[in-house]
């Protein structure tokens, strides 16, 4: 059963857990190594041809190099629509089908992203090191709105009574947006945010 994972560590409290576990033995279903190159396990689907079963002395057929870099601190997020979302340090956001690994859409964020995305009702939100927060239509990969802060954002969007976000510089207030990208509230802090916040927050 697909587990929904809409933000960093699954929820506002950052538990990093779900109620249902997966019993071993585990098996790779697919490996995404780029939007035009996905390995799919022949033992998961009769129409797939890749041998992805791990065993002693066998190396998985992964390419020597790829055209993208994933920050070591991000987690892919998963919506209840069966889609996986993540962004790269090259500045591209991707939507991948959780069942097959097929890339459904990609969007140029125009700046590197080091942060885990967050899934709202009909949007997925990405932040960049150039200080932009972008709400992308979850199904088609179209930009719906953006907020430009001018300062690097490396913390993860917190979904709690809105979409909460802050930059590394205290000149820009910590703010919370609604699904349409409009500000719900903002607070001036004495320092920038480099780590990750958790909720619930008392506003």
N, C-alpha and C. Protein backbone atom coordinates (compact mmCIF):
# COMPACT_ATOMS: atom_id res chain seq x y z
N UNK A 1 0.84 -1.20 0.00
CA UNK A 1 0.00 0.00 0.00
C UNK A 1 0.88 1.25 0.00
N UNK A 2 0.57 2.20 -0.88
CA UNK A 2 1.34 3.43 -0.99
C UNK A 2 1.12 4.31 0.24
N UNK A 3 2.20 4.77 0.83
CA UNK A 3 2.13 5.65 1.98
C UNK A 3 2.29 7.11 1.54
N UNK A 4 1.37 7.96 1.97
CA UNK A 4 1.46 9.39 1.65
C UNK A 4 2.53 10.02 2.54
N UNK A 5 3.40 10.81 1.93
CA UNK A 5 4.52 11.46 2.62
C UNK A 5 4.61 12.89 2.10
N UNK A 6 3.75 13.81 2.58
CA UNK A 6 3.58 15.11 1.93
C UNK A 6 4.63 16.16 2.27
N UNK A 7 5.47 15.93 3.28
CA UNK A 7 6.49 16.91 3.64
C UNK A 7 7.64 16.20 4.34
N UNK A 8 8.67 16.97 4.66
CA UNK A 8 9.85 16.40 5.32
C UNK A 8 9.45 15.66 6.59
N UNK A 9 9.92 14.44 6.73
CA UNK A 9 9.63 13.58 7.88
C UNK A 9 8.14 13.31 8.05
N UNK A 10 7.39 13.40 6.95
CA UNK A 10 6.00 12.95 6.82
C UNK A 10 4.96 13.92 7.36
N UNK A 11 5.21 14.58 8.53
CA UNK A 11 4.18 15.43 9.11
C UNK A 11 4.81 16.65 9.79
N UNK A 12 3.96 17.53 10.29
CA UNK A 12 4.44 18.77 10.90
C UNK A 12 5.29 18.52 12.15
N UNK A 13 4.99 17.44 12.87
CA UNK A 13 5.76 17.10 14.06
C UNK A 13 7.09 16.44 13.72
N UNK A 14 7.31 16.13 12.44
CA UNK A 14 8.54 15.50 11.94
C UNK A 14 8.78 14.14 12.59
N UNK A 15 7.73 13.34 12.67
CA UNK A 15 7.85 12.00 13.25
C UNK A 15 8.71 11.08 12.38
N UNK A 16 8.57 11.23 11.06
CA UNK A 16 9.33 10.36 10.16
C UNK A 16 8.85 8.93 10.17
N UNK A 17 7.58 8.70 10.49
CA UNK A 17 7.05 7.34 10.58
C UNK A 17 5.63 7.28 10.01
N UNK A 18 5.24 6.08 9.62
CA UNK A 18 3.87 5.82 9.20
C UNK A 18 3.36 4.61 9.98
N UNK A 19 2.06 4.43 10.00
CA UNK A 19 1.47 3.37 10.81
C UNK A 19 1.73 1.98 10.24
N UNK A 20 1.76 1.86 8.93
CA UNK A 20 1.91 0.55 8.29
C UNK A 20 3.34 0.34 7.83
N UNK A 21 3.91 -0.80 8.19
CA UNK A 21 5.26 -1.13 7.77
C UNK A 21 5.27 -2.10 6.60
N UNK A 22 6.45 -2.37 6.09
CA UNK A 22 6.64 -3.32 4.98
C UNK A 22 7.48 -4.47 5.49
N UNK A 23 6.98 -5.67 5.33
CA UNK A 23 7.69 -6.85 5.82
C UNK A 23 8.76 -7.28 4.82
N UNK A 24 9.94 -7.66 5.31
CA UNK A 24 10.97 -8.20 4.41
C UNK A 24 10.56 -9.58 3.91
N UNK A 25 11.20 -10.06 2.83
CA UNK A 25 12.36 -9.48 2.15
C UNK A 25 11.97 -8.30 1.25
N UNK A 26 12.90 -7.34 1.10
CA UNK A 26 12.64 -6.16 0.30
C UNK A 26 13.18 -6.36 -1.12
N UNK A 27 12.56 -5.66 -2.07
CA UNK A 27 12.99 -5.78 -3.47
C UNK A 27 12.86 -4.43 -4.15
N UNK A 28 13.86 -4.06 -4.92
CA UNK A 28 13.80 -2.83 -5.70
C UNK A 28 12.76 -2.99 -6.80
N UNK A 29 11.88 -2.01 -6.91
CA UNK A 29 10.88 -2.02 -7.99
C UNK A 29 11.41 -1.27 -9.20
N UNK A 30 11.90 -0.06 -8.98
CA UNK A 30 12.52 0.72 -10.06
C UNK A 30 13.57 1.65 -9.49
N UNK A 31 14.48 2.08 -10.37
CA UNK A 31 15.55 3.03 -10.00
C UNK A 31 15.53 4.16 -11.01
N UNK A 32 15.28 5.38 -10.52
CA UNK A 32 15.25 6.57 -11.39
C UNK A 32 16.65 7.15 -11.47
N UNK A 33 17.21 7.22 -12.67
CA UNK A 33 18.53 7.82 -12.85
C UNK A 33 18.48 8.98 -13.85
N UNK A 34 17.30 9.52 -14.06
CA UNK A 34 17.09 10.63 -14.98
C UNK A 34 15.74 10.49 -15.65
N UNK A 35 15.22 11.59 -16.17
CA UNK A 35 13.86 11.56 -16.71
C UNK A 35 13.71 10.66 -17.93
N UNK A 36 14.84 10.35 -18.60
CA UNK A 36 14.78 9.49 -19.77
C UNK A 36 15.42 8.13 -19.53
N UNK A 37 15.71 7.83 -18.26
CA UNK A 37 16.37 6.55 -17.99
C UNK A 37 15.94 6.01 -16.64
N UNK A 38 15.08 5.00 -16.67
CA UNK A 38 14.59 4.36 -15.45
C UNK A 38 14.79 2.86 -15.58
N UNK A 39 15.38 2.26 -14.56
CA UNK A 39 15.52 0.81 -14.51
C UNK A 39 14.29 0.24 -13.79
N UNK A 40 13.71 -0.84 -14.35
CA UNK A 40 12.51 -1.44 -13.78
C UNK A 40 12.70 -2.94 -13.61
N UNK A 41 12.39 -3.42 -12.44
CA UNK A 41 12.66 -4.81 -12.08
C UNK A 41 11.73 -5.78 -12.81
N UNK A 42 12.33 -6.70 -13.51
CA UNK A 42 11.56 -7.69 -14.27
C UNK A 42 10.74 -8.61 -13.36
N UNK A 43 11.13 -8.71 -12.09
CA UNK A 43 10.38 -9.54 -11.16
C UNK A 43 9.22 -8.79 -10.50
N UNK A 44 9.05 -7.50 -10.84
CA UNK A 44 7.92 -6.73 -10.34
C UNK A 44 6.81 -6.59 -11.38
N UNK A 45 7.21 -6.68 -12.65
CA UNK A 45 6.25 -6.51 -13.74
C UNK A 45 6.75 -7.31 -14.94
N UNK A 46 5.90 -8.13 -15.52
CA UNK A 46 6.30 -9.00 -16.62
C UNK A 46 6.73 -8.23 -17.86
N UNK A 47 6.31 -6.98 -17.97
CA UNK A 47 6.66 -6.16 -19.14
C UNK A 47 8.00 -5.45 -18.98
N UNK A 48 8.60 -5.54 -17.81
CA UNK A 48 9.88 -4.89 -17.56
C UNK A 48 11.02 -5.88 -17.75
N UNK A 49 12.22 -5.34 -18.07
CA UNK A 49 13.30 -6.24 -18.50
C UNK A 49 14.57 -6.17 -17.66
N UNK A 50 14.64 -5.27 -16.67
CA UNK A 50 15.90 -5.09 -15.93
C UNK A 50 16.00 -6.06 -14.75
N UNK A 51 17.20 -6.60 -14.58
CA UNK A 51 17.49 -7.49 -13.46
C UNK A 51 17.96 -6.63 -12.28
N UNK A 52 17.08 -6.39 -11.32
CA UNK A 52 17.40 -5.53 -10.18
C UNK A 52 17.38 -6.28 -8.86
N UNK A 53 17.45 -7.59 -8.91
CA UNK A 53 17.48 -8.37 -7.68
C UNK A 53 18.90 -8.42 -7.13
N UNK A 54 19.07 -7.91 -5.93
CA UNK A 54 20.39 -7.87 -5.30
C UNK A 54 20.83 -9.27 -4.88
N UNK A 55 22.10 -9.56 -5.08
CA UNK A 55 22.67 -10.84 -4.69
C UNK A 55 24.19 -10.71 -4.64
N UNK A 56 24.85 -11.58 -3.91
CA UNK A 56 26.32 -11.49 -3.79
C UNK A 56 27.01 -11.54 -5.14
N UNK A 57 27.94 -10.61 -5.36
CA UNK A 57 28.73 -10.59 -6.58
C UNK A 57 28.07 -9.95 -7.77
N UNK A 58 26.83 -9.42 -7.60
CA UNK A 58 26.11 -8.82 -8.72
C UNK A 58 26.01 -7.32 -8.53
N UNK A 59 26.36 -6.57 -9.57
CA UNK A 59 26.25 -5.11 -9.55
C UNK A 59 25.02 -4.69 -10.34
N UNK A 60 24.19 -3.86 -9.73
CA UNK A 60 23.02 -3.35 -10.44
C UNK A 60 23.47 -2.54 -11.66
N UNK A 61 22.74 -2.61 -12.77
CA UNK A 61 23.16 -1.94 -14.02
C UNK A 61 22.88 -0.45 -14.02
N UNK A 62 23.47 0.27 -13.08
CA UNK A 62 23.28 1.71 -12.97
C UNK A 62 24.33 2.44 -13.80
N UNK A 63 23.95 3.52 -14.43
CA UNK A 63 24.87 4.29 -15.26
C UNK A 63 26.04 4.85 -14.46
N UNK A 64 27.16 5.04 -15.12
CA UNK A 64 28.36 5.57 -14.47
C UNK A 64 28.20 7.04 -14.09
N UNK A 65 27.39 7.78 -14.84
CA UNK A 65 27.19 9.20 -14.54
C UNK A 65 25.77 9.59 -14.90
N UNK A 66 25.27 10.65 -14.26
CA UNK A 66 23.94 11.18 -14.52
C UNK A 66 24.03 12.69 -14.70
N UNK A 67 22.95 13.30 -15.16
CA UNK A 67 22.96 14.73 -15.46
C UNK A 67 22.33 15.57 -14.35
N UNK A 68 22.22 15.01 -13.16
CA UNK A 68 21.58 15.72 -12.07
C UNK A 68 22.26 15.38 -10.75
N UNK A 69 22.02 16.24 -9.75
CA UNK A 69 22.56 16.02 -8.41
C UNK A 69 21.45 16.23 -7.41
N UNK A 70 21.29 15.29 -6.50
CA UNK A 70 20.29 15.41 -5.44
C UNK A 70 21.00 15.74 -4.14
N UNK A 71 20.55 16.78 -3.48
CA UNK A 71 21.12 17.13 -2.19
C UNK A 71 20.92 15.97 -1.21
N UNK A 72 21.95 15.70 -0.42
CA UNK A 72 21.89 14.59 0.51
C UNK A 72 20.91 14.77 1.64
N UNK A 73 20.36 15.98 1.77
CA UNK A 73 19.46 16.26 2.88
C UNK A 73 17.98 16.19 2.51
N UNK A 74 17.66 16.04 1.24
CA UNK A 74 16.25 16.07 0.85
C UNK A 74 15.63 14.67 0.91
N UNK A 75 14.31 14.65 1.01
CA UNK A 75 13.52 13.43 0.88
C UNK A 75 12.52 13.64 -0.25
N UNK A 76 12.32 12.66 -1.12
CA UNK A 76 11.19 12.76 -2.05
C UNK A 76 9.89 12.78 -1.25
N UNK A 77 8.90 13.49 -1.75
CA UNK A 77 7.59 13.50 -1.09
C UNK A 77 6.60 12.77 -2.00
N UNK A 78 5.56 12.18 -1.38
CA UNK A 78 4.61 11.36 -2.11
C UNK A 78 3.20 11.83 -1.80
N UNK A 79 2.44 12.11 -2.85
CA UNK A 79 1.06 12.56 -2.68
C UNK A 79 0.08 11.41 -2.69
N UNK A 80 -1.17 11.70 -2.34
CA UNK A 80 -2.19 10.66 -2.37
C UNK A 80 -2.64 10.34 -3.79
N UNK A 81 -2.02 11.01 -4.77
CA UNK A 81 -2.29 10.73 -6.18
C UNK A 81 -1.31 9.71 -6.75
N UNK A 82 -0.44 9.15 -5.90
CA UNK A 82 0.51 8.16 -6.37
C UNK A 82 1.68 8.74 -7.14
N UNK A 83 2.02 9.99 -6.87
CA UNK A 83 3.13 10.65 -7.55
C UNK A 83 4.22 11.04 -6.55
N UNK A 84 5.46 11.01 -7.02
CA UNK A 84 6.63 11.35 -6.21
C UNK A 84 7.20 12.67 -6.74
N UNK A 85 7.60 13.57 -5.81
CA UNK A 85 8.09 14.90 -6.19
C UNK A 85 9.43 15.18 -5.52
N UNK A 86 10.35 15.77 -6.27
CA UNK A 86 11.65 16.16 -5.72
C UNK A 86 12.29 17.18 -6.66
N UNK A 87 13.33 17.85 -6.18
CA UNK A 87 14.05 18.84 -7.00
C UNK A 87 15.54 18.56 -6.92
N UNK A 88 16.28 19.09 -7.89
CA UNK A 88 17.71 18.83 -7.97
C UNK A 88 18.52 20.11 -7.73
N UNK A 89 19.80 19.90 -7.52
CA UNK A 89 20.71 21.03 -7.34
C UNK A 89 20.96 21.76 -8.65
N UNK A 90 20.57 21.17 -9.76
CA UNK A 90 20.63 21.86 -11.05
C UNK A 90 19.42 22.76 -11.26
N UNK A 91 18.44 22.67 -10.37
CA UNK A 91 17.30 23.57 -10.43
C UNK A 91 16.08 23.04 -11.16
N UNK A 92 15.96 21.72 -11.24
CA UNK A 92 14.79 21.15 -11.90
C UNK A 92 13.92 20.42 -10.89
N UNK A 93 12.61 20.62 -11.00
CA UNK A 93 11.64 19.89 -10.19
C UNK A 93 11.05 18.78 -11.04
N UNK A 94 10.81 17.62 -10.41
CA UNK A 94 10.31 16.46 -11.14
C UNK A 94 9.10 15.86 -10.45
N UNK A 95 8.22 15.31 -11.28
CA UNK A 95 7.10 14.50 -10.83
C UNK A 95 7.26 13.13 -11.46
N UNK A 96 7.30 12.09 -10.62
CA UNK A 96 7.55 10.72 -11.07
C UNK A 96 6.41 9.82 -10.61
N UNK A 97 5.97 8.94 -11.47
CA UNK A 97 4.93 7.98 -11.10
C UNK A 97 5.51 6.96 -10.11
N UNK A 98 4.86 6.83 -8.95
CA UNK A 98 5.39 5.97 -7.89
C UNK A 98 5.36 4.50 -8.28
N UNK A 99 4.47 4.11 -9.15
CA UNK A 99 4.36 2.70 -9.54
C UNK A 99 5.42 2.28 -10.54
N UNK A 100 5.68 3.14 -11.53
CA UNK A 100 6.56 2.74 -12.63
C UNK A 100 7.88 3.51 -12.71
N UNK A 101 7.99 4.65 -12.01
CA UNK A 101 9.19 5.46 -12.10
C UNK A 101 9.23 6.38 -13.31
N UNK A 102 8.17 6.39 -14.10
CA UNK A 102 8.10 7.24 -15.30
C UNK A 102 8.03 8.71 -14.88
N UNK A 103 8.83 9.57 -15.52
CA UNK A 103 8.77 11.00 -15.27
C UNK A 103 7.55 11.58 -15.98
N UNK A 104 6.65 12.17 -15.20
CA UNK A 104 5.40 12.70 -15.74
C UNK A 104 5.54 14.16 -16.16
N UNK A 105 6.32 14.92 -15.41
CA UNK A 105 6.63 16.28 -15.82
C UNK A 105 7.89 16.78 -15.12
N UNK A 106 8.49 17.79 -15.70
CA UNK A 106 9.63 18.47 -15.09
C UNK A 106 9.42 19.97 -15.23
N UNK A 107 9.97 20.72 -14.29
CA UNK A 107 9.79 22.17 -14.30
C UNK A 107 11.11 22.83 -13.92
N UNK A 108 11.49 23.85 -14.67
CA UNK A 108 12.72 24.58 -14.43
C UNK A 108 12.51 25.62 -13.33
N UNK A 109 13.07 25.38 -12.16
CA UNK A 109 12.95 26.30 -11.03
C UNK A 109 13.85 27.52 -11.19
N UNK A 110 14.78 27.47 -12.13
CA UNK A 110 15.70 28.57 -12.44
C UNK A 110 16.68 28.85 -11.30
N UNK A 111 16.85 27.91 -10.39
CA UNK A 111 17.79 28.05 -9.28
C UNK A 111 17.92 26.70 -8.58
N UNK A 112 19.08 26.43 -7.98
CA UNK A 112 19.26 25.15 -7.28
C UNK A 112 18.31 25.02 -6.10
N UNK A 113 17.93 23.79 -5.82
CA UNK A 113 17.09 23.51 -4.65
C UNK A 113 17.80 22.48 -3.77
N UNK A 114 17.85 22.79 -2.48
CA UNK A 114 18.46 21.89 -1.50
C UNK A 114 17.43 21.36 -0.51
N UNK A 115 16.18 21.63 -0.75
CA UNK A 115 15.14 21.38 0.25
C UNK A 115 14.11 20.38 -0.21
N UNK A 116 13.55 19.67 0.75
CA UNK A 116 12.42 18.78 0.50
C UNK A 116 11.19 19.60 0.13
N UNK A 117 10.48 19.17 -0.88
CA UNK A 117 9.25 19.86 -1.30
C UNK A 117 8.14 19.59 -0.29
N UNK A 118 7.00 20.24 -0.49
CA UNK A 118 5.83 20.04 0.35
C UNK A 118 4.59 20.01 -0.53
N UNK A 119 3.68 19.09 -0.24
CA UNK A 119 2.49 18.90 -1.07
C UNK A 119 1.27 19.50 -0.37
N UNK A 120 0.59 20.41 -1.08
CA UNK A 120 -0.65 20.98 -0.58
C UNK A 120 -1.84 20.28 -1.21
N UNK A 121 -2.96 20.99 -1.31
CA UNK A 121 -4.18 20.38 -1.85
C UNK A 121 -4.04 20.06 -3.34
N UNK A 122 -3.64 21.05 -4.12
CA UNK A 122 -3.49 20.83 -5.56
C UNK A 122 -2.15 21.37 -6.07
N UNK A 123 -1.25 21.66 -5.14
CA UNK A 123 0.05 22.20 -5.50
C UNK A 123 1.16 21.43 -4.80
N UNK A 124 2.34 21.54 -5.37
CA UNK A 124 3.55 21.09 -4.69
C UNK A 124 4.47 22.30 -4.63
N UNK A 125 5.04 22.56 -3.45
CA UNK A 125 5.82 23.78 -3.21
C UNK A 125 7.30 23.46 -3.15
N UNK A 126 8.08 24.21 -3.93
CA UNK A 126 9.53 24.07 -3.94
C UNK A 126 10.18 25.39 -3.52
N UNK A 127 11.33 25.32 -2.88
CA UNK A 127 12.11 26.52 -2.55
C UNK A 127 13.48 26.41 -3.19
N UNK A 128 14.17 27.56 -3.33
CA UNK A 128 15.48 27.55 -3.98
C UNK A 128 16.49 28.37 -3.17
N UNK A 129 17.75 28.18 -3.49
CA UNK A 129 18.81 28.92 -2.81
C UNK A 129 18.87 30.37 -3.28
N UNK A 130 18.11 30.72 -4.32
CA UNK A 130 18.01 32.11 -4.75
C UNK A 130 16.87 32.84 -4.05
N UNK A 131 16.19 32.13 -3.15
CA UNK A 131 15.18 32.79 -2.34
C UNK A 131 13.77 32.76 -2.88
N UNK A 132 13.47 31.86 -3.79
CA UNK A 132 12.12 31.80 -4.35
C UNK A 132 11.34 30.65 -3.74
N UNK A 133 10.05 30.88 -3.57
CA UNK A 133 9.10 29.85 -3.15
C UNK A 133 8.10 29.73 -4.29
N UNK A 134 7.95 28.53 -4.84
CA UNK A 134 7.12 28.38 -6.03
C UNK A 134 6.06 27.30 -5.81
N UNK A 135 4.81 27.67 -6.09
CA UNK A 135 3.70 26.74 -6.05
C UNK A 135 3.43 26.21 -7.44
N UNK A 136 3.63 24.91 -7.64
CA UNK A 136 3.49 24.28 -8.95
C UNK A 136 2.24 23.41 -8.95
N UNK A 137 1.45 23.50 -10.01
CA UNK A 137 0.25 22.67 -10.14
C UNK A 137 0.66 21.20 -10.10
N UNK A 138 0.08 20.46 -9.18
CA UNK A 138 0.56 19.12 -8.84
C UNK A 138 0.44 18.12 -9.99
N UNK A 139 -0.52 18.31 -10.87
CA UNK A 139 -0.76 17.33 -11.93
C UNK A 139 -0.06 17.65 -13.25
N UNK A 140 0.15 18.95 -13.52
CA UNK A 140 0.66 19.31 -14.84
C UNK A 140 2.01 20.03 -14.82
N UNK A 141 2.52 20.36 -13.64
CA UNK A 141 3.83 21.00 -13.58
C UNK A 141 3.84 22.43 -14.06
N UNK A 142 2.75 23.16 -13.86
CA UNK A 142 2.67 24.56 -14.28
C UNK A 142 2.80 25.46 -13.06
N UNK A 143 3.51 26.58 -13.23
CA UNK A 143 3.68 27.55 -12.14
C UNK A 143 2.35 28.25 -11.88
N UNK A 144 1.89 28.19 -10.62
CA UNK A 144 0.67 28.89 -10.22
C UNK A 144 0.97 30.20 -9.53
N UNK A 145 2.03 30.23 -8.70
CA UNK A 145 2.42 31.45 -8.02
C UNK A 145 3.85 31.31 -7.51
N UNK A 146 4.45 32.45 -7.19
CA UNK A 146 5.77 32.42 -6.58
C UNK A 146 5.94 33.62 -5.65
N UNK A 147 6.78 33.44 -4.66
CA UNK A 147 7.16 34.54 -3.77
C UNK A 147 8.68 34.61 -3.80
N UNK A 148 9.21 35.80 -4.04
CA UNK A 148 10.65 36.01 -4.11
C UNK A 148 11.11 36.71 -2.85
N UNK A 149 12.02 36.10 -2.13
CA UNK A 149 12.52 36.70 -0.89
C UNK A 149 13.86 37.41 -1.10
N UNK A 150 14.63 36.96 -2.08
CA UNK A 150 15.94 37.56 -2.30
C UNK A 150 17.04 36.95 -1.46
N UNK A 151 16.67 36.01 -0.57
CA UNK A 151 17.65 35.39 0.31
C UNK A 151 17.51 33.88 0.25
N UNK A 152 18.62 33.18 0.41
CA UNK A 152 18.64 31.73 0.25
C UNK A 152 17.68 31.04 1.22
N UNK A 153 16.95 30.06 0.69
CA UNK A 153 16.08 29.23 1.52
C UNK A 153 16.61 27.80 1.46
N UNK A 154 17.01 27.29 2.60
CA UNK A 154 17.50 25.91 2.68
C UNK A 154 16.71 25.08 3.67
N UNK A 155 15.87 25.72 4.48
CA UNK A 155 14.99 24.97 5.38
C UNK A 155 13.81 24.44 4.59
N UNK A 156 13.11 23.48 5.17
CA UNK A 156 12.02 22.84 4.46
C UNK A 156 10.69 23.52 4.78
N UNK A 157 9.82 23.57 3.79
CA UNK A 157 8.49 24.13 4.00
C UNK A 157 7.76 23.28 5.04
N UNK A 158 7.13 23.96 5.99
CA UNK A 158 6.36 23.30 7.03
C UNK A 158 4.88 23.47 6.73
N UNK A 159 4.16 22.36 6.58
CA UNK A 159 2.72 22.42 6.37
C UNK A 159 2.05 22.36 7.73
N UNK A 160 1.56 23.51 8.18
CA UNK A 160 0.82 23.57 9.44
C UNK A 160 0.04 24.88 9.45
N UNK A 161 -1.27 24.78 9.31
CA UNK A 161 -2.12 25.98 9.20
C UNK A 161 -1.66 26.87 8.06
N UNK A 162 -1.17 26.27 7.00
CA UNK A 162 -0.64 26.99 5.85
C UNK A 162 0.70 26.40 5.44
N UNK A 163 1.38 27.11 4.56
CA UNK A 163 2.70 26.72 4.06
C UNK A 163 3.71 27.69 4.65
N UNK A 164 4.45 27.25 5.66
CA UNK A 164 5.34 28.12 6.42
C UNK A 164 6.77 27.99 5.93
N UNK A 165 7.45 29.13 5.83
CA UNK A 165 8.78 29.13 5.23
C UNK A 165 9.58 30.33 5.71
N UNK A 166 10.89 30.20 5.71
CA UNK A 166 11.77 31.31 6.08
C UNK A 166 13.11 31.18 5.41
N UNK A 167 13.83 32.29 5.31
CA UNK A 167 15.13 32.31 4.64
C UNK A 167 16.27 32.33 5.66
N UNK A 168 17.49 32.29 5.14
CA UNK A 168 18.67 32.27 6.00
C UNK A 168 18.99 33.64 6.60
N UNK A 169 18.35 34.68 6.11
CA UNK A 169 18.65 36.04 6.55
C UNK A 169 17.47 36.61 7.33
N UNK A 170 17.75 37.22 8.48
CA UNK A 170 16.68 37.73 9.34
C UNK A 170 15.99 38.96 8.76
N UNK A 171 16.56 39.57 7.71
CA UNK A 171 15.91 40.72 7.08
C UNK A 171 14.56 40.34 6.48
N UNK A 172 14.43 39.09 6.09
CA UNK A 172 13.17 38.60 5.54
C UNK A 172 12.40 37.90 6.64
N UNK A 173 11.17 38.30 6.93
CA UNK A 173 10.42 37.67 8.01
C UNK A 173 10.06 36.23 7.69
N UNK A 174 9.86 35.44 8.74
CA UNK A 174 9.31 34.11 8.59
C UNK A 174 7.85 34.28 8.22
N UNK A 175 7.35 33.53 7.24
CA UNK A 175 6.01 33.78 6.75
C UNK A 175 5.26 32.48 6.49
N UNK A 176 3.95 32.62 6.40
CA UNK A 176 3.07 31.49 6.13
C UNK A 176 2.11 31.89 5.02
N UNK A 177 1.99 31.04 4.00
CA UNK A 177 1.16 31.32 2.84
C UNK A 177 0.00 30.34 2.79
N UNK A 178 -1.08 30.75 2.14
CA UNK A 178 -2.17 29.82 1.89
C UNK A 178 -1.91 29.10 0.56
N UNK A 179 -2.86 28.24 0.18
CA UNK A 179 -2.67 27.43 -1.02
C UNK A 179 -2.58 28.27 -2.29
N UNK A 180 -3.12 29.49 -2.25
CA UNK A 180 -3.07 30.38 -3.41
C UNK A 180 -1.81 31.23 -3.44
N UNK A 181 -0.94 31.06 -2.44
CA UNK A 181 0.29 31.83 -2.39
C UNK A 181 0.17 33.17 -1.70
N UNK A 182 -0.99 33.45 -1.09
CA UNK A 182 -1.19 34.71 -0.38
C UNK A 182 -0.73 34.58 1.07
N UNK A 183 -0.18 35.66 1.60
CA UNK A 183 0.35 35.62 2.96
C UNK A 183 -0.76 35.56 4.00
N UNK A 184 -0.63 34.62 4.91
CA UNK A 184 -1.55 34.51 6.05
C UNK A 184 -1.02 35.32 7.21
N UNK A 185 0.28 35.18 7.48
CA UNK A 185 0.93 35.94 8.54
C UNK A 185 2.44 35.95 8.31
N UNK A 186 3.12 36.83 8.98
CA UNK A 186 4.58 36.86 8.95
C UNK A 186 5.09 37.34 10.30
N UNK A 187 6.30 36.94 10.65
CA UNK A 187 6.93 37.34 11.90
C UNK A 187 8.39 37.67 11.65
N UNK A 188 8.84 38.79 12.18
CA UNK A 188 10.25 39.15 12.06
C UNK A 188 11.01 38.42 13.17
N UNK A 189 12.03 37.67 12.78
CA UNK A 189 12.84 36.93 13.74
C UNK A 189 14.18 37.62 13.94
N UNK A 190 14.85 37.29 15.02
CA UNK A 190 16.14 37.92 15.32
C UNK A 190 17.29 37.28 14.57
N UNK A 191 17.04 36.15 13.90
CA UNK A 191 18.08 35.46 13.15
C UNK A 191 17.44 34.72 11.98
N UNK A 192 18.26 34.40 11.00
CA UNK A 192 17.77 33.65 9.87
C UNK A 192 17.55 32.19 10.24
N UNK A 193 16.93 31.45 9.33
CA UNK A 193 16.62 30.05 9.57
C UNK A 193 17.48 29.18 8.66
N UNK A 194 18.32 28.37 9.28
CA UNK A 194 19.12 27.44 8.51
C UNK A 194 18.72 26.00 8.78
N UNK A 195 18.12 25.75 9.95
CA UNK A 195 17.64 24.41 10.27
C UNK A 195 16.19 24.25 9.86
N UNK A 196 15.54 23.25 10.41
CA UNK A 196 14.17 22.95 10.02
C UNK A 196 13.23 23.02 11.21
N UNK A 197 12.12 23.71 10.99
CA UNK A 197 11.15 23.88 12.05
C UNK A 197 10.15 22.74 12.06
N UNK A 198 9.50 22.57 13.22
CA UNK A 198 8.47 21.56 13.36
C UNK A 198 7.27 22.18 14.05
N UNK A 199 6.11 21.59 13.90
CA UNK A 199 4.90 22.09 14.52
C UNK A 199 4.39 21.08 15.52
N UNK A 200 3.23 21.34 16.09
CA UNK A 200 2.42 22.53 15.83
C UNK A 200 2.97 23.79 16.49
N UNK A 201 2.79 24.91 15.79
CA UNK A 201 3.26 26.18 16.28
C UNK A 201 2.11 26.97 16.91
N UNK A 202 2.40 27.77 17.90
CA UNK A 202 1.42 28.68 18.47
C UNK A 202 1.62 30.06 17.84
N UNK A 203 0.62 30.48 17.09
CA UNK A 203 0.74 31.74 16.35
C UNK A 203 0.07 32.87 17.12
